[in-house]
Amino acid sequence: MKYLLMIYGNQEKWESLPQDQWQEVIAKQDAFNQRYRDTGELLGAYGLGDATEAKLIRRVKGAPVVTDGPYLETKEYMASFYLLDVVDEARAREIAADMPSADVDPVELWPVPHVGF
């Protein structure tokens, strides 16, 4: 069964982290990624660009319309996502709880019941 883990970001929070702590944060995340790649349960880990670079695309009268985005009413935005392939939801929950940032930020867990290819 596939599951998506979503991590939200907050630019102010990240900017408040002392520069010397970034290496530790990155090392912990790299270790997490490697641990679950090695088990075959992590299919991919993807960090997203800054929210200021996001675009919203709509089709209006058949033509694409592009605007800056996202337009959120909150400071948090999706910062990264992870695709898991695990035996069951219990295992997905274990992995989500092992996310290095899970002690300070929630990790959303979504089942992926449909595969498009």
N, C-alpha and C. Protein backbone atom coordinates (compact mmCIF):
# COMPACT_ATOMS: atom_id res chain seq x y z
N MET A 1 0.84 -1.18 0.00
CA MET A 1 0.00 0.00 0.00
C MET A 1 0.88 1.24 0.00
N LYS A 2 0.50 2.20 -0.80
CA LYS A 2 1.26 3.44 -0.87
C LYS A 2 0.63 4.51 0.03
N TYR A 3 1.52 5.31 0.61
CA TYR A 3 1.10 6.42 1.47
C TYR A 3 1.95 7.63 1.15
N LEU A 4 1.34 8.79 1.29
CA LEU A 4 2.03 10.06 1.10
C LEU A 4 2.19 10.73 2.46
N LEU A 5 3.41 11.13 2.78
CA LEU A 5 3.67 11.93 3.97
C LEU A 5 3.86 13.36 3.50
N MET A 6 3.19 14.31 4.14
CA MET A 6 3.34 15.71 3.77
C MET A 6 3.87 16.49 4.97
N ILE A 7 4.86 17.31 4.69
CA ILE A 7 5.49 18.16 5.70
C ILE A 7 5.20 19.61 5.31
N TYR A 8 4.77 20.39 6.28
CA TYR A 8 4.48 21.80 6.02
C TYR A 8 5.62 22.67 6.51
N GLY A 9 5.83 23.77 5.82
CA GLY A 9 6.89 24.70 6.17
C GLY A 9 6.33 26.02 6.65
N ASN A 10 7.17 26.75 7.30
CA ASN A 10 6.84 28.07 7.79
C ASN A 10 8.13 28.88 7.67
N GLN A 11 8.17 29.80 6.74
CA GLN A 11 9.39 30.55 6.45
C GLN A 11 9.94 31.26 7.67
N GLU A 12 9.09 31.87 8.46
CA GLU A 12 9.55 32.58 9.66
C GLU A 12 10.23 31.63 10.64
N LYS A 13 9.63 30.46 10.81
CA LYS A 13 10.20 29.48 11.73
C LYS A 13 11.57 29.03 11.23
N TRP A 14 11.68 28.74 9.93
CA TRP A 14 12.96 28.29 9.38
C TRP A 14 14.02 29.37 9.48
N GLU A 15 13.62 30.62 9.22
CA GLU A 15 14.59 31.72 9.29
C GLU A 15 15.07 31.97 10.72
N SER A 16 14.27 31.56 11.72
CA SER A 16 14.66 31.76 13.11
C SER A 16 15.64 30.68 13.59
N LEU A 17 15.80 29.61 12.82
CA LEU A 17 16.74 28.55 13.20
C LEU A 17 18.17 29.04 13.00
N PRO A 18 18.99 28.98 14.05
CA PRO A 18 20.38 29.43 13.91
C PRO A 18 21.11 28.66 12.78
N GLN A 19 21.90 29.37 12.05
CA GLN A 19 22.60 28.81 10.89
C GLN A 19 23.40 27.55 11.24
N ASP A 20 24.01 27.53 12.43
CA ASP A 20 24.83 26.38 12.80
C ASP A 20 24.00 25.12 13.08
N GLN A 21 22.67 25.26 13.24
CA GLN A 21 21.82 24.09 13.47
C GLN A 21 21.32 23.45 12.17
N TRP A 22 21.46 24.16 11.06
CA TRP A 22 20.97 23.64 9.79
C TRP A 22 21.65 22.34 9.39
N GLN A 23 22.95 22.25 9.61
CA GLN A 23 23.67 21.03 9.24
C GLN A 23 23.12 19.82 10.00
N GLU A 24 22.80 20.00 11.28
CA GLU A 24 22.23 18.92 12.09
C GLU A 24 20.85 18.52 11.58
N VAL A 25 20.02 19.50 11.25
CA VAL A 25 18.68 19.23 10.72
C VAL A 25 18.79 18.45 9.42
N ILE A 26 19.66 18.89 8.53
CA ILE A 26 19.83 18.22 7.23
C ILE A 26 20.38 16.81 7.42
N ALA A 27 21.33 16.64 8.31
CA ALA A 27 21.91 15.31 8.56
C ALA A 27 20.86 14.34 9.08
N LYS A 28 20.00 14.79 9.99
CA LYS A 28 18.94 13.93 10.51
C LYS A 28 17.97 13.53 9.41
N GLN A 29 17.63 14.48 8.56
CA GLN A 29 16.69 14.18 7.47
C GLN A 29 17.33 13.23 6.46
N ASP A 30 18.59 13.45 6.14
CA ASP A 30 19.29 12.56 5.21
C ASP A 30 19.36 11.14 5.77
N ALA A 31 19.59 10.99 7.08
CA ALA A 31 19.65 9.68 7.71
C ALA A 31 18.28 8.99 7.65
N PHE A 32 17.22 9.74 7.90
CA PHE A 32 15.85 9.21 7.79
C PHE A 32 15.62 8.70 6.37
N ASN A 33 15.92 9.55 5.39
CA ASN A 33 15.71 9.18 3.99
C ASN A 33 16.48 7.91 3.63
N GLN A 34 17.74 7.85 4.03
CA GLN A 34 18.57 6.69 3.70
C GLN A 34 18.06 5.42 4.37
N ARG A 35 17.65 5.53 5.64
CA ARG A 35 17.15 4.37 6.38
C ARG A 35 15.97 3.72 5.66
N TYR A 36 15.03 4.52 5.19
CA TYR A 36 13.83 3.95 4.56
C TYR A 36 14.01 3.67 3.07
N ARG A 37 14.98 4.30 2.44
CA ARG A 37 15.36 3.88 1.08
C ARG A 37 15.96 2.49 1.15
N ASP A 38 16.81 2.27 2.16
CA ASP A 38 17.47 0.97 2.32
C ASP A 38 16.47 -0.16 2.56
N THR A 39 15.36 0.12 3.24
CA THR A 39 14.35 -0.92 3.46
C THR A 39 13.45 -1.10 2.24
N GLY A 40 13.54 -0.17 1.28
CA GLY A 40 12.68 -0.22 0.10
C GLY A 40 11.32 0.41 0.32
N GLU A 41 11.08 0.98 1.50
CA GLU A 41 9.77 1.56 1.81
C GLU A 41 9.63 3.01 1.36
N LEU A 42 10.73 3.71 1.17
CA LEU A 42 10.68 5.10 0.71
C LEU A 42 10.93 5.11 -0.79
N LEU A 43 9.89 5.43 -1.54
CA LEU A 43 10.00 5.48 -3.00
C LEU A 43 10.57 6.80 -3.48
N GLY A 44 10.34 7.86 -2.72
CA GLY A 44 10.85 9.17 -3.11
C GLY A 44 10.63 10.19 -2.02
N ALA A 45 11.53 11.15 -1.94
CA ALA A 45 11.44 12.26 -1.00
C ALA A 45 11.70 13.52 -1.80
N TYR A 46 10.77 14.45 -1.73
CA TYR A 46 10.84 15.62 -2.60
C TYR A 46 10.63 16.90 -1.80
N GLY A 47 11.64 17.75 -1.77
CA GLY A 47 11.52 19.06 -1.16
C GLY A 47 11.03 20.04 -2.21
N LEU A 48 10.11 20.89 -1.84
CA LEU A 48 9.55 21.85 -2.78
C LEU A 48 10.25 23.19 -2.66
N GLY A 49 10.17 23.98 -3.72
CA GLY A 49 10.73 25.32 -3.72
C GLY A 49 9.97 26.21 -2.76
N ASP A 50 10.50 27.38 -2.52
CA ASP A 50 9.86 28.34 -1.63
C ASP A 50 8.46 28.69 -2.13
N ALA A 51 7.56 28.94 -1.22
CA ALA A 51 6.17 29.26 -1.57
C ALA A 51 6.08 30.49 -2.48
N THR A 52 7.04 31.38 -2.41
CA THR A 52 7.01 32.57 -3.26
C THR A 52 7.24 32.22 -4.73
N GLU A 53 7.72 31.02 -4.99
CA GLU A 53 7.96 30.58 -6.37
C GLU A 53 6.79 29.80 -6.95
N ALA A 54 5.79 29.47 -6.12
CA ALA A 54 4.65 28.67 -6.58
C ALA A 54 3.76 29.49 -7.50
N LYS A 55 3.10 28.80 -8.40
CA LYS A 55 2.16 29.42 -9.34
C LYS A 55 0.84 28.68 -9.28
N LEU A 56 -0.23 29.39 -9.50
CA LEU A 56 -1.55 28.79 -9.65
C LEU A 56 -1.92 28.83 -11.12
N ILE A 57 -2.36 27.70 -11.63
CA ILE A 57 -2.73 27.60 -13.04
C ILE A 57 -4.22 27.29 -13.12
N ARG A 58 -4.92 28.09 -13.89
CA ARG A 58 -6.34 27.86 -14.16
C ARG A 58 -6.55 27.94 -15.67
N ARG A 59 -7.60 27.30 -16.10
CA ARG A 59 -7.97 27.43 -17.50
C ARG A 59 -9.24 28.28 -17.54
N VAL A 60 -9.18 29.37 -18.25
CA VAL A 60 -10.31 30.27 -18.40
C VAL A 60 -10.63 30.38 -19.88
N LYS A 61 -11.82 29.97 -20.26
CA LYS A 61 -12.25 29.99 -21.67
C LYS A 61 -11.24 29.27 -22.56
N GLY A 62 -10.71 28.17 -22.06
CA GLY A 62 -9.80 27.35 -22.84
C GLY A 62 -8.35 27.78 -22.82
N ALA A 63 -8.04 28.91 -22.21
CA ALA A 63 -6.66 29.41 -22.19
C ALA A 63 -6.10 29.34 -20.77
N PRO A 64 -4.80 29.01 -20.65
CA PRO A 64 -4.21 28.97 -19.31
C PRO A 64 -4.02 30.37 -18.75
N VAL A 65 -4.31 30.51 -17.46
CA VAL A 65 -4.10 31.75 -16.74
C VAL A 65 -3.18 31.42 -15.57
N VAL A 66 -2.05 32.12 -15.49
CA VAL A 66 -1.06 31.85 -14.46
C VAL A 66 -0.98 33.04 -13.52
N THR A 67 -1.08 32.74 -12.22
CA THR A 67 -0.93 33.79 -11.21
C THR A 67 0.03 33.30 -10.14
N ASP A 68 0.60 34.25 -9.41
CA ASP A 68 1.47 33.87 -8.30
C ASP A 68 0.63 33.18 -7.23
N GLY A 69 1.24 32.29 -6.51
CA GLY A 69 0.53 31.57 -5.46
C GLY A 69 1.53 30.93 -4.55
N PRO A 70 1.15 30.17 -3.62
CA PRO A 70 -0.24 29.88 -3.30
C PRO A 70 -0.88 31.01 -2.51
N TYR A 71 -2.19 31.08 -2.55
CA TYR A 71 -2.91 32.08 -1.77
C TYR A 71 -3.49 31.40 -0.55
N LEU A 72 -2.72 31.33 0.48
CA LEU A 72 -3.12 30.67 1.71
C LEU A 72 -3.41 31.71 2.78
N GLU A 73 -4.29 31.37 3.67
CA GLU A 73 -4.61 32.24 4.79
C GLU A 73 -3.75 31.89 6.01
N THR A 74 -2.71 31.13 5.81
CA THR A 74 -1.85 30.68 6.89
C THR A 74 -0.40 30.87 6.49
N LYS A 75 0.49 30.83 7.43
CA LYS A 75 1.91 30.97 7.13
C LYS A 75 2.51 29.65 6.69
N GLU A 76 1.85 28.53 7.02
CA GLU A 76 2.37 27.23 6.64
C GLU A 76 1.99 26.89 5.20
N TYR A 77 2.86 26.16 4.55
CA TYR A 77 2.60 25.68 3.20
C TYR A 77 3.32 24.35 3.03
N MET A 78 2.88 23.56 2.06
CA MET A 78 3.50 22.27 1.86
C MET A 78 4.94 22.48 1.42
N ALA A 79 5.87 21.93 2.19
CA ALA A 79 7.30 22.13 1.92
C ALA A 79 7.94 20.90 1.30
N SER A 80 7.46 19.71 1.64
CA SER A 80 8.02 18.49 1.06
C SER A 80 7.03 17.36 1.19
N PHE A 81 7.26 16.32 0.38
CA PHE A 81 6.41 15.14 0.48
C PHE A 81 7.25 13.91 0.21
N TYR A 82 6.77 12.81 0.77
CA TYR A 82 7.47 11.53 0.72
C TYR A 82 6.48 10.47 0.28
N LEU A 83 6.88 9.61 -0.64
CA LEU A 83 6.02 8.53 -1.09
C LEU A 83 6.55 7.22 -0.54
N LEU A 84 5.68 6.54 0.23
CA LEU A 84 6.03 5.27 0.85
C LEU A 84 5.31 4.13 0.16
N ASP A 85 5.91 2.95 0.23
CA ASP A 85 5.25 1.71 -0.17
C ASP A 85 5.48 0.73 0.97
N VAL A 86 4.44 0.51 1.77
CA VAL A 86 4.56 -0.27 3.00
C VAL A 86 3.48 -1.35 3.06
N VAL A 87 3.61 -2.26 4.01
CA VAL A 87 2.66 -3.37 4.10
C VAL A 87 1.29 -2.95 4.59
N ASP A 88 1.23 -1.93 5.45
CA ASP A 88 -0.07 -1.51 5.98
C ASP A 88 0.04 -0.11 6.59
N GLU A 89 -1.12 0.39 7.02
CA GLU A 89 -1.16 1.74 7.60
C GLU A 89 -0.35 1.84 8.88
N ALA A 90 -0.34 0.76 9.66
CA ALA A 90 0.43 0.79 10.91
C ALA A 90 1.90 1.08 10.63
N ARG A 91 2.45 0.46 9.59
CA ARG A 91 3.85 0.71 9.25
C ARG A 91 4.03 2.14 8.76
N ALA A 92 3.11 2.66 7.98
CA ALA A 92 3.19 4.05 7.51
C ALA A 92 3.18 5.01 8.70
N ARG A 93 2.38 4.70 9.71
CA ARG A 93 2.34 5.55 10.90
C ARG A 93 3.67 5.51 11.65
N GLU A 94 4.28 4.33 11.74
CA GLU A 94 5.59 4.22 12.39
C GLU A 94 6.62 5.10 11.70
N ILE A 95 6.63 5.04 10.38
CA ILE A 95 7.60 5.82 9.62
C ILE A 95 7.32 7.31 9.77
N ALA A 96 6.05 7.70 9.70
CA ALA A 96 5.69 9.11 9.86
C ALA A 96 6.13 9.62 11.23
N ALA A 97 5.94 8.82 12.26
CA ALA A 97 6.33 9.22 13.61
C ALA A 97 7.84 9.29 13.78
N ASP A 98 8.58 8.62 12.90
CA ASP A 98 10.04 8.64 12.94
C ASP A 98 10.63 9.84 12.20
N MET A 99 9.79 10.60 11.50
CA MET A 99 10.26 11.79 10.78
C MET A 99 10.97 12.70 11.78
N PRO A 100 12.19 13.15 11.48
CA PRO A 100 12.94 13.97 12.44
C PRO A 100 12.19 15.18 12.97
N SER A 101 11.35 15.79 12.18
CA SER A 101 10.64 17.00 12.62
C SER A 101 9.32 16.71 13.31
N ALA A 102 8.93 15.43 13.44
CA ALA A 102 7.61 15.09 13.98
C ALA A 102 7.42 15.50 15.43
N ASP A 103 8.51 15.75 16.15
CA ASP A 103 8.35 16.19 17.54
C ASP A 103 7.99 17.67 17.64
N VAL A 104 8.14 18.43 16.56
CA VAL A 104 7.79 19.86 16.59
C VAL A 104 6.75 20.25 15.55
N ASP A 105 6.60 19.46 14.50
CA ASP A 105 5.63 19.75 13.45
C ASP A 105 4.90 18.47 13.06
N PRO A 106 3.60 18.55 12.82
CA PRO A 106 2.86 17.35 12.43
C PRO A 106 3.25 16.88 11.03
N VAL A 107 3.07 15.60 10.82
CA VAL A 107 3.29 14.98 9.51
C VAL A 107 1.93 14.46 9.05
N GLU A 108 1.46 14.91 7.90
CA GLU A 108 0.19 14.40 7.38
C GLU A 108 0.44 13.07 6.69
N LEU A 109 -0.45 12.12 6.91
CA LEU A 109 -0.37 10.80 6.31
C LEU A 109 -1.62 10.58 5.47
N TRP A 110 -1.41 10.36 4.19
CA TRP A 110 -2.54 10.15 3.27
C TRP A 110 -2.36 8.82 2.55
N PRO A 111 -3.41 8.00 2.50
CA PRO A 111 -3.32 6.79 1.67
C PRO A 111 -3.36 7.20 0.19
N VAL A 112 -2.68 6.42 -0.64
CA VAL A 112 -2.67 6.63 -2.09
C VAL A 112 -3.28 5.38 -2.72
N PRO A 113 -4.62 5.34 -2.83
CA PRO A 113 -5.27 4.12 -3.30
C PRO A 113 -5.22 3.92 -4.81
N HIS A 114 -4.87 4.95 -5.56
CA HIS A 114 -4.87 4.86 -7.02
C HIS A 114 -3.51 5.22 -7.57
N VAL A 115 -3.00 4.40 -8.46
CA VAL A 115 -1.74 4.69 -9.12
C VAL A 115 -2.07 4.96 -10.59
N GLY A 116 -1.57 6.08 -11.10
CA GLY A 116 -1.93 6.53 -12.42
C GLY A 116 -1.16 5.93 -13.57
N PHE A 117 -0.13 5.11 -13.29
CA PHE A 117 0.60 4.51 -14.41
C PHE A 117 1.05 3.13 -14.08
